[in-house]
Amino acid sequence: MADRVDSALVKAQVQQAGKRLEIGWMGLLFGDATEKPGNIAGTTLFVSIAALVLVLIFAPETNTFPKREMVTLFGGGLASGALGFLFGRTTSS
């Protein structure tokens, strides 16, 4: 009985170690292959919105740093691209 429990425990530990090696360092941050694209898009969306808010609140309005350009970059580019990826169609017809 104890041998079966020990072998099941060893097998589970080997599978866990194999999974950890498979996903690597980036996998620890973003998840495995099935979750990674959505997690990266979600992180991009969060960072884009946070950067947009920080720029709008703290950045001075100057000729060399117009806030309008930052809104276009973060709001129009990165955030909408990430939203399109997250909520877009999964298949094309």
PDB file of N, CA and C in Angstrom:
ATOM      1  N   MET A   1       0.822  -1.190   0.000  1.00  0.00           N
ATOM      2  CA  MET A   1       0.000   0.000   0.000  1.00  0.00           C
ATOM      3  C   MET A   1       0.867   1.253   0.000  1.00  0.00           C
ATOM      4  N   ALA A   2       1.851   1.279   0.872  1.00  0.00           N
ATOM      5  CA  ALA A   2       2.732   2.440   0.965  1.00  0.00           C
ATOM      6  C   ALA A   2       3.546   2.608  -0.315  1.00  0.00           C
ATOM      7  N   ASP A   3       3.892   1.469  -0.963  1.00  0.00           N
ATOM      8  CA  ASP A   3       4.654   1.553  -2.213  1.00  0.00           C
ATOM      9  C   ASP A   3       3.833   2.217  -3.308  1.00  0.00           C
ATOM     10  N   ARG A   4       2.532   1.943  -3.363  1.00  0.00           N
ATOM     11  CA  ARG A   4       1.667   2.563  -4.370  1.00  0.00           C
ATOM     12  C   ARG A   4       1.539   4.066  -4.143  1.00  0.00           C
ATOM     13  N   VAL A   5       1.406   4.443  -2.879  1.00  0.00           N
ATOM     14  CA  VAL A   5       1.301   5.873  -2.548  1.00  0.00           C
ATOM     15  C   VAL A   5       2.612   6.574  -2.889  1.00  0.00           C
ATOM     16  N   ASP A   6       3.741   5.949  -2.537  1.00  0.00           N
ATOM     17  CA  ASP A   6       5.043   6.536  -2.836  1.00  0.00           C
ATOM     18  C   ASP A   6       5.251   6.673  -4.343  1.00  0.00           C
ATOM     19  N   SER A   7       4.879   5.657  -5.096  1.00  0.00           N
ATOM     20  CA  SER A   7       5.077   5.722  -6.550  1.00  0.00           C
ATOM     21  C   SER A   7       4.147   6.770  -7.175  1.00  0.00           C
ATOM     22  N   ALA A   8       2.941   6.920  -6.652  1.00  0.00           N
ATOM     23  CA  ALA A   8       2.040   7.950  -7.163  1.00  0.00           C
ATOM     24  C   ALA A   8       2.575   9.336  -6.839  1.00  0.00           C
ATOM     25  N   LEU A   9       3.152   9.483  -5.657  1.00  0.00           N
ATOM     26  CA  LEU A   9       3.733  10.767  -5.264  1.00  0.00           C
ATOM     27  C   LEU A   9       4.931  11.108  -6.140  1.00  0.00           C
ATOM     28  N   VAL A  10       5.794  10.141  -6.392  1.00  0.00           N
ATOM     29  CA  VAL A  10       6.962  10.361  -7.243  1.00  0.00           C
ATOM     30  C   VAL A  10       6.512  10.697  -8.659  1.00  0.00           C
ATOM     31  N   LYS A  11       5.519  10.002  -9.159  1.00  0.00           N
ATOM     32  CA  LYS A  11       5.019  10.265 -10.509  1.00  0.00           C
ATOM     33  C   LYS A  11       4.447  11.684 -10.612  1.00  0.00           C
ATOM     34  N   ALA A  12       3.721  12.115  -9.593  1.00  0.00           N
ATOM     35  CA  ALA A  12       3.164  13.472  -9.590  1.00  0.00           C
ATOM     36  C   ALA A  12       4.270  14.510  -9.529  1.00  0.00           C
ATOM     37  N   GLN A  13       5.312  14.256  -8.747  1.00  0.00           N
ATOM     38  CA  GLN A  13       6.429  15.193  -8.651  1.00  0.00           C
ATOM     39  C   GLN A  13       7.195  15.282  -9.965  1.00  0.00           C
ATOM     40  N   VAL A  14       7.362  14.167 -10.631  1.00  0.00           N
ATOM     41  CA  VAL A  14       8.047  14.155 -11.927  1.00  0.00           C
ATOM     42  C   VAL A  14       7.222  14.920 -12.965  1.00  0.00           C
ATOM     43  N   GLN A  15       5.918  14.728 -12.968  1.00  0.00           N
ATOM     44  CA  GLN A  15       5.056  15.467 -13.904  1.00  0.00           C
ATOM     45  C   GLN A  15       5.095  16.960 -13.620  1.00  0.00           C
ATOM     46  N   GLN A  16       5.096  17.333 -12.350  1.00  0.00           N
ATOM     47  CA  GLN A  16       5.148  18.750 -11.983  1.00  0.00           C
ATOM     48  C   GLN A  16       6.484  19.358 -12.405  1.00  0.00           C
ATOM     49  N   ALA A  17       7.572  18.651 -12.198  1.00  0.00           N
ATOM     50  CA  ALA A  17       8.885  19.160 -12.600  1.00  0.00           C
ATOM     51  C   ALA A  17       8.976  19.271 -14.125  1.00  0.00           C
ATOM     52  N   GLY A  18       8.410  18.310 -14.824  1.00  0.00           N
ATOM     53  CA  GLY A  18       8.397  18.372 -16.289  1.00  0.00           C
ATOM     54  C   GLY A  18       7.588  19.547 -16.800  1.00  0.00           C
ATOM     55  N   LYS A  19       6.459  19.808 -16.195  1.00  0.00           N
ATOM     56  CA  LYS A  19       5.617  20.946 -16.580  1.00  0.00           C
ATOM     57  C   LYS A  19       6.347  22.259 -16.317  1.00  0.00           C
ATOM     58  N   ARG A  20       7.034  22.350 -15.182  1.00  0.00           N
ATOM     59  CA  ARG A  20       7.787  23.557 -14.840  1.00  0.00           C
ATOM     60  C   ARG A  20       8.898  23.804 -15.859  1.00  0.00           C
ATOM     61  N   LEU A  21       9.573  22.752 -16.291  1.00  0.00           N
ATOM     62  CA  LEU A  21      10.611  22.894 -17.305  1.00  0.00           C
ATOM     63  C   LEU A  21      10.019  23.271 -18.658  1.00  0.00           C
ATOM     64  N   GLU A  22       8.857  22.742 -18.957  1.00  0.00           N
ATOM     65  CA  GLU A  22       8.199  23.002 -20.241  1.00  0.00           C
ATOM     66  C   GLU A  22       7.782  24.469 -20.393  1.00  0.00           C
ATOM     67  N   ILE A  23       7.244  25.059 -19.340  1.00  0.00           N
ATOM     68  CA  ILE A  23       6.762  26.434 -19.461  1.00  0.00           C
ATOM     69  C   ILE A  23       7.881  27.452 -19.312  1.00  0.00           C
ATOM     70  N   GLY A  24       8.958  27.134 -18.628  1.00  0.00           N
ATOM     71  CA  GLY A  24      10.105  28.028 -18.514  1.00  0.00           C
ATOM     72  C   GLY A  24       9.810  29.262 -17.678  1.00  0.00           C
ATOM     73  N   TRP A  25      10.737  30.230 -17.750  1.00  0.00           N
ATOM     74  CA  TRP A  25      10.619  31.456 -16.949  1.00  0.00           C
ATOM     75  C   TRP A  25       9.445  32.306 -17.392  1.00  0.00           C
ATOM     76  N   MET A  26       9.244  32.442 -18.692  1.00  0.00           N
ATOM     77  CA  MET A  26       8.124  33.246 -19.180  1.00  0.00           C
ATOM     78  C   MET A  26       6.800  32.575 -18.825  1.00  0.00           C
ATOM     79  N   GLY A  27       6.789  31.271 -18.786  1.00  0.00           N
ATOM     80  CA  GLY A  27       5.581  30.554 -18.407  1.00  0.00           C
ATOM     81  C   GLY A  27       5.183  30.790 -16.962  1.00  0.00           C
ATOM     82  N   LEU A  28       6.166  31.010 -16.108  1.00  0.00           N
ATOM     83  CA  LEU A  28       5.845  31.319 -14.720  1.00  0.00           C
ATOM     84  C   LEU A  28       5.100  32.642 -14.617  1.00  0.00           C
ATOM     85  N   LEU A  29       5.435  33.571 -15.496  1.00  0.00           N
ATOM     86  CA  LEU A  29       4.785  34.875 -15.483  1.00  0.00           C
ATOM     87  C   LEU A  29       3.461  34.868 -16.236  1.00  0.00           C
ATOM     88  N   PHE A  30       3.421  34.239 -17.415  1.00  0.00           N
ATOM     89  CA  PHE A  30       2.251  34.328 -18.283  1.00  0.00           C
ATOM     90  C   PHE A  30       1.423  33.055 -18.392  1.00  0.00           C
ATOM     91  N   GLY A  31       1.863  31.946 -17.859  1.00  0.00           N
ATOM     92  CA  GLY A  31       1.096  30.707 -17.944  1.00  0.00           C
ATOM     93  C   GLY A  31       1.601  29.808 -19.059  1.00  0.00           C
ATOM     94  N   ASP A  32       0.911  28.688 -19.260  1.00  0.00           N
ATOM     95  CA  ASP A  32       1.360  27.750 -20.289  1.00  0.00           C
ATOM     96  C   ASP A  32       0.861  28.176 -21.669  1.00  0.00           C
ATOM     97  N   ALA A  33       1.111  27.337 -22.652  1.00  0.00           N
ATOM     98  CA  ALA A  33       0.858  27.706 -24.049  1.00  0.00           C
ATOM     99  C   ALA A  33      -0.607  28.021 -24.338  1.00  0.00           C
ATOM    100  N   THR A  34      -1.536  27.388 -23.643  1.00  0.00           N
ATOM    101  CA  THR A  34      -2.950  27.652 -23.922  1.00  0.00           C
ATOM    102  C   THR A  34      -3.422  28.967 -23.318  1.00  0.00           C
ATOM    103  N   GLU A  35      -2.809  29.398 -22.220  1.00  0.00           N
ATOM    104  CA  GLU A  35      -3.228  30.625 -21.548  1.00  0.00           C
ATOM    105  C   GLU A  35      -2.389  31.835 -21.933  1.00  0.00           C
ATOM    106  N   LYS A  36      -1.191  31.610 -22.437  1.00  0.00           N
ATOM    107  CA  LYS A  36      -0.215  32.676 -22.617  1.00  0.00           C
ATOM    108  C   LYS A  36      -0.692  33.824 -23.506  1.00  0.00           C
ATOM    109  N   PRO A  37      -1.276  33.594 -24.679  1.00  0.00           N
ATOM    110  CA  PRO A  37      -1.682  34.737 -25.518  1.00  0.00           C
ATOM    111  C   PRO A  37      -2.685  35.660 -24.835  1.00  0.00           C
ATOM    112  N   GLY A  38      -3.660  35.105 -24.171  1.00  0.00           N
ATOM    113  CA  GLY A  38      -4.645  35.925 -23.469  1.00  0.00           C
ATOM    114  C   GLY A  38      -4.052  36.659 -22.292  1.00  0.00           C
ATOM    115  N   ASN A  39      -3.136  36.003 -21.574  1.00  0.00           N
ATOM    116  CA  ASN A  39      -2.502  36.655 -20.434  1.00  0.00           C
ATOM    117  C   ASN A  39      -1.594  37.794 -20.879  1.00  0.00           C
ATOM    118  N   ILE A  40      -0.880  37.609 -21.981  1.00  0.00           N
ATOM    119  CA  ILE A  40      -0.029  38.675 -22.495  1.00  0.00           C
ATOM    120  C   ILE A  40      -0.885  39.844 -22.980  1.00  0.00           C
ATOM    121  N   ALA A  41      -1.982  39.554 -23.660  1.00  0.00           N
ATOM    122  CA  ALA A  41      -2.876  40.630 -24.115  1.00  0.00           C
ATOM    123  C   ALA A  41      -3.496  41.354 -22.931  1.00  0.00           C
ATOM    124  N   GLY A  42      -3.881  40.635 -21.906  1.00  0.00           N
ATOM    125  CA  GLY A  42      -4.435  41.262 -20.708  1.00  0.00           C
ATOM    126  C   GLY A  42      -3.418  42.139 -20.002  1.00  0.00           C
ATOM    127  N   THR A  43      -2.173  41.676 -19.925  1.00  0.00           N
ATOM    128  CA  THR A  43      -1.107  42.471 -19.325  1.00  0.00           C
ATOM    129  C   THR A  43      -0.843  43.722 -20.148  1.00  0.00           C
ATOM    130  N   THR A  44      -0.828  43.586 -21.472  1.00  0.00           N
ATOM    131  CA  THR A  44      -0.639  44.739 -22.354  1.00  0.00           C
ATOM    132  C   THR A  44      -1.760  45.748 -22.164  1.00  0.00           C
ATOM    133  N   LEU A  45      -2.974  45.281 -22.068  1.00  0.00           N
ATOM    134  CA  LEU A  45      -4.118  46.171 -21.864  1.00  0.00           C
ATOM    135  C   LEU A  45      -3.993  46.915 -20.535  1.00  0.00           C
ATOM    136  N   PHE A  46      -3.666  46.200 -19.484  1.00  0.00           N
ATOM    137  CA  PHE A  46      -3.522  46.820 -18.166  1.00  0.00           C
ATOM    138  C   PHE A  46      -2.409  47.864 -18.161  1.00  0.00           C
ATOM    139  N   VAL A  47      -1.244  47.519 -18.711  1.00  0.00           N
ATOM    140  CA  VAL A  47      -0.107  48.447 -18.742  1.00  0.00           C
ATOM    141  C   VAL A  47      -0.427  49.657 -19.612  1.00  0.00           C
ATOM    142  N   SER A  48      -1.107  49.453 -20.732  1.00  0.00           N
ATOM    143  CA  SER A  48      -1.460  50.566 -21.618  1.00  0.00           C
ATOM    144  C   SER A  48      -2.406  51.543 -20.941  1.00  0.00           C
ATOM    145  N   ILE A  49      -3.400  51.026 -20.278  1.00  0.00           N
ATOM    146  CA  ILE A  49      -4.359  51.903 -19.603  1.00  0.00           C
ATOM    147  C   ILE A  49      -3.692  52.616 -18.423  1.00  0.00           C
ATOM    148  N   ALA A  50      -2.839  51.906 -17.686  1.00  0.00           N
ATOM    149  CA  ALA A  50      -2.127  52.536 -16.574  1.00  0.00           C
ATOM    150  C   ALA A  50      -1.196  53.633 -17.088  1.00  0.00           C
ATOM    151  N   ALA A  51      -0.485  53.376 -18.177  1.00  0.00           N
ATOM    152  CA  ALA A  51       0.406  54.390 -18.752  1.00  0.00           C
ATOM    153  C   ALA A  51      -0.392  55.581 -19.257  1.00  0.00           C
ATOM    154  N   LEU A  52      -1.523  55.329 -19.871  1.00  0.00           N
ATOM    155  CA  LEU A  52      -2.375  56.411 -20.364  1.00  0.00           C
ATOM    156  C   LEU A  52      -2.853  57.297 -19.217  1.00  0.00           C
ATOM    157  N   VAL A  53      -3.304  56.691 -18.143  1.00  0.00           N
ATOM    158  CA  VAL A  53      -3.771  57.453 -16.991  1.00  0.00           C
ATOM    159  C   VAL A  53      -2.628  58.262 -16.379  1.00  0.00           C
ATOM    160  N   LEU A  54      -1.457  57.627 -16.236  1.00  0.00           N
ATOM    161  CA  LEU A  54      -0.311  58.343 -15.671  1.00  0.00           C
ATOM    162  C   LEU A  54       0.113  59.519 -16.538  1.00  0.00           C
ATOM    163  N   VAL A  55       0.111  59.331 -17.849  1.00  0.00           N
ATOM    164  CA  VAL A  55       0.483  60.418 -18.757  1.00  0.00           C
ATOM    165  C   VAL A  55      -0.532  61.544 -18.667  1.00  0.00           C
ATOM    166  N   LEU A  56      -1.803  61.209 -18.656  1.00  0.00           N
ATOM    167  CA  LEU A  56      -2.826  62.248 -18.610  1.00  0.00           C
ATOM    168  C   LEU A  56      -2.805  63.029 -17.297  1.00  0.00           C
ATOM    169  N   ILE A  57      -2.438  62.375 -16.213  1.00  0.00           N
ATOM    170  CA  ILE A  57      -2.438  63.048 -14.914  1.00  0.00           C
ATOM    171  C   ILE A  57      -1.139  63.822 -14.669  1.00  0.00           C
ATOM    172  N   PHE A  58       0.001  63.190 -14.932  1.00  0.00           N
ATOM    173  CA  PHE A  58       1.265  63.759 -14.483  1.00  0.00           C
ATOM    174  C   PHE A  58       2.106  64.440 -15.556  1.00  0.00           C
ATOM    175  N   ALA A  59       1.882  64.166 -16.811  1.00  0.00           N
ATOM    176  CA  ALA A  59       2.745  64.732 -17.855  1.00  0.00           C
ATOM    177  C   ALA A  59       2.344  66.168 -18.172  1.00  0.00           C
ATOM    178  N   PRO A  60       3.331  67.029 -18.333  1.00  0.00           N
ATOM    179  CA  PRO A  60       3.008  68.412 -18.707  1.00  0.00           C
ATOM    180  C   PRO A  60       2.679  68.488 -20.195  1.00  0.00           C
ATOM    181  N   GLU A  61       1.854  69.424 -20.551  1.00  0.00           N
ATOM    182  CA  GLU A  61       1.497  69.635 -21.963  1.00  0.00           C
ATOM    183  C   GLU A  61       2.528  70.583 -22.565  1.00  0.00           C
ATOM    184  N   THR A  62       3.373  70.065 -23.441  1.00  0.00           N
ATOM    185  CA  THR A  62       4.373  70.894 -24.115  1.00  0.00           C
ATOM    186  C   THR A  62       4.307  70.619 -25.609  1.00  0.00           C
ATOM    187  N   ASN A  63       5.045  71.407 -26.377  1.00  0.00           N
ATOM    188  CA  ASN A  63       5.090  71.197 -27.821  1.00  0.00           C
ATOM    189  C   ASN A  63       5.850  69.932 -28.186  1.00  0.00           C
ATOM    190  N   THR A  64       6.834  69.577 -27.382  1.00  0.00           N
ATOM    191  CA  THR A  64       7.624  68.380 -27.679  1.00  0.00           C
ATOM    192  C   THR A  64       6.980  67.105 -27.136  1.00  0.00           C
ATOM    193  N   PHE A  65       6.016  67.237 -26.241  1.00  0.00           N
ATOM    194  CA  PHE A  65       5.360  66.066 -25.643  1.00  0.00           C
ATOM    195  C   PHE A  65       3.856  66.306 -25.565  1.00  0.00           C
ATOM    196  N   PRO A  66       3.178  66.272 -26.702  1.00  0.00           N
ATOM    197  CA  PRO A  66       1.732  66.504 -26.661  1.00  0.00           C
ATOM    198  C   PRO A  66       0.997  65.276 -26.104  1.00  0.00           C
ATOM    199  N   LYS A  67       0.093  65.517 -25.201  1.00  0.00           N
ATOM    200  CA  LYS A  67      -0.681  64.427 -24.601  1.00  0.00           C
ATOM    201  C   LYS A  67      -1.536  63.718 -25.642  1.00  0.00           C
ATOM    202  N   ARG A  68      -1.952  64.427 -26.658  1.00  0.00           N
ATOM    203  CA  ARG A  68      -2.780  63.836 -27.709  1.00  0.00           C
ATOM    204  C   ARG A  68      -2.063  62.654 -28.374  1.00  0.00           C
ATOM    205  N   GLU A  69      -0.755  62.773 -28.563  1.00  0.00           N
ATOM    206  CA  GLU A  69       0.023  61.684 -29.167  1.00  0.00           C
ATOM    207  C   GLU A  69       0.066  60.461 -28.250  1.00  0.00           C
ATOM    208  N   MET A  70       0.148  60.681 -26.965  1.00  0.00           N
ATOM    209  CA  MET A  70       0.171  59.565 -26.015  1.00  0.00           C
ATOM    210  C   MET A  70      -1.181  58.858 -25.972  1.00  0.00           C
ATOM    211  N   VAL A  71      -2.242  59.626 -26.062  1.00  0.00           N
ATOM    212  CA  VAL A  71      -3.575  59.017 -26.098  1.00  0.00           C
ATOM    213  C   VAL A  71      -3.709  58.168 -27.355  1.00  0.00           C
ATOM    214  N   THR A  72      -3.195  58.659 -28.457  1.00  0.00           N
ATOM    215  CA  THR A  72      -3.240  57.895 -29.708  1.00  0.00           C
ATOM    216  C   THR A  72      -2.425  56.611 -29.587  1.00  0.00           C
ATOM    217  N   LEU A  73      -1.244  56.712 -28.995  1.00  0.00           N
ATOM    218  CA  LEU A  73      -0.373  55.538 -28.871  1.00  0.00           C
ATOM    219  C   LEU A  73      -0.955  54.495 -27.931  1.00  0.00           C
ATOM    220  N   PHE A  74      -1.248  54.898 -26.700  1.00  0.00           N
ATOM    221  CA  PHE A  74      -1.677  53.923 -25.699  1.00  0.00           C
ATOM    222  C   PHE A  74      -3.147  53.540 -25.849  1.00  0.00           C
ATOM    223  N   GLY A  75      -4.010  54.513 -26.037  1.00  0.00           N
ATOM    224  CA  GLY A  75      -5.442  54.226 -26.132  1.00  0.00           C
ATOM    225  C   GLY A  75      -5.838  53.656 -27.480  1.00  0.00           C
ATOM    226  N   GLY A  76      -5.335  54.260 -28.534  1.00  0.00           N
ATOM    227  CA  GLY A  76      -5.733  53.834 -29.870  1.00  0.00           C
ATOM    228  C   GLY A  76      -4.971  52.643 -30.389  1.00  0.00           C
ATOM    229  N   GLY A  77      -3.721  52.501 -30.000  1.00  0.00           N
ATOM    230  CA  GLY A  77      -2.899  51.435 -30.548  1.00  0.00           C
ATOM    231  C   GLY A  77      -2.869  50.183 -29.699  1.00  0.00           C
ATOM    232  N   LEU A  78      -2.167  50.267 -28.607  1.00  0.00           N
ATOM    233  CA  LEU A  78      -1.936  49.073 -27.789  1.00  0.00           C
ATOM    234  C   LEU A  78      -3.201  48.559 -27.120  1.00  0.00           C
ATOM    235  N   ALA A  79      -3.958  49.444 -26.497  1.00  0.00           N
ATOM    236  CA  ALA A  79      -5.143  49.002 -25.759  1.00  0.00           C
ATOM    237  C   ALA A  79      -6.206  48.426 -26.688  1.00  0.00           C
ATOM    238  N   SER A  80      -6.470  49.090 -27.796  1.00  0.00           N
ATOM    239  CA  SER A  80      -7.503  48.559 -28.694  1.00  0.00           C
ATOM    240  C   SER A  80      -7.039  47.275 -29.380  1.00  0.00           C
ATOM    241  N   GLY A  81      -5.749  47.161 -29.654  1.00  0.00           N
ATOM    242  CA  GLY A  81      -5.239  45.909 -30.212  1.00  0.00           C
ATOM    243  C   GLY A  81      -5.381  44.753 -29.245  1.00  0.00           C
ATOM    244  N   ALA A  82      -5.070  44.999 -27.982  1.00  0.00           N
ATOM    245  CA  ALA A  82      -5.212  43.949 -26.964  1.00  0.00           C
ATOM    246  C   ALA A  82      -6.676  43.585 -26.759  1.00  0.00           C
ATOM    247  N   LEU A  83      -7.561  44.595 -26.751  1.00  0.00           N
ATOM    248  CA  LEU A  83      -8.995  44.303 -26.623  1.00  0.00           C
ATOM    249  C   LEU A  83      -9.498  43.499 -27.815  1.00  0.00           C
ATOM    250  N   GLY A  84      -9.051  43.857 -29.000  1.00  0.00           N
ATOM    251  CA  GLY A  84      -9.444  43.096 -30.189  1.00  0.00           C
ATOM    252  C   GLY A  84      -8.992  41.658 -30.115  1.00  0.00           C
ATOM    253  N   PHE A  85      -7.783  41.439 -29.598  1.00  0.00           N
ATOM    254  CA  PHE A  85      -7.300  40.078 -29.466  1.00  0.00           C
ATOM    255  C   PHE A  85      -8.105  39.303 -28.427  1.00  0.00           C
ATOM    256  N   LEU A  86      -8.387  39.933 -27.302  1.00  0.00           N
ATOM    257  CA  LEU A  86      -9.102  39.243 -26.224  1.00  0.00           C
ATOM    258  C   LEU A  86     -10.542  38.915 -26.586  1.00  0.00           C
ATOM    259  N   PHE A  87     -11.234  39.851 -27.241  1.00  0.00           N
ATOM    260  CA  PHE A  87     -12.665  39.668 -27.486  1.00  0.00           C
ATOM    261  C   PHE A  87     -13.023  39.447 -28.942  1.00  0.00           C
ATOM    262  N   GLY A  88     -12.036  39.321 -29.790  1.00  0.00           N
ATOM    263  CA  GLY A  88     -12.294  39.101 -31.213  1.00  0.00           C
ATOM    264  C   GLY A  88     -12.752  37.677 -31.483  1.00  0.00           C
ATOM    265  N   ARG A  89     -13.080  37.428 -32.735  1.00  0.00           N
ATOM    266  CA  ARG A  89     -13.493  36.075 -33.108  1.00  0.00           C
ATOM    267  C   ARG A  89     -12.329  35.120 -33.039  1.00  0.00           C
ATOM    268  N   THR A  90     -12.618  33.879 -32.680  1.00  0.00           N
ATOM    269  CA  THR A  90     -11.558  32.881 -32.583  1.00  0.00           C
ATOM    270  C   THR A  90     -11.312  32.169 -33.904  1.00  0.00           C
ATOM    271  N   THR A  91     -12.302  32.177 -34.785  1.00  0.00           N
ATOM    272  CA  THR A  91     -12.130  31.552 -36.102  1.00  0.00           C
ATOM    273  C   THR A  91     -12.599  32.512 -37.175  1.00  0.00           C
ATOM    274  N   SER A  92     -12.078  32.334 -38.352  1.00  0.00           N
ATOM    275  CA  SER A  92     -12.531  33.161 -39.464  1.00  0.00           C
ATOM    276  C   SER A  92     -13.356  32.308 -40.414  1.00  0.00           C
ATOM    277  N   SER A  93     -14.334  32.918 -41.006  1.00  0.00           N
ATOM    278  CA  SER A  93     -15.207  32.138 -41.904  1.00  0.00           C
ATOM    279  C   SER A  93     -15.087  32.618 -43.331  1.00  0.00           C
TER     280      SER A  93
END
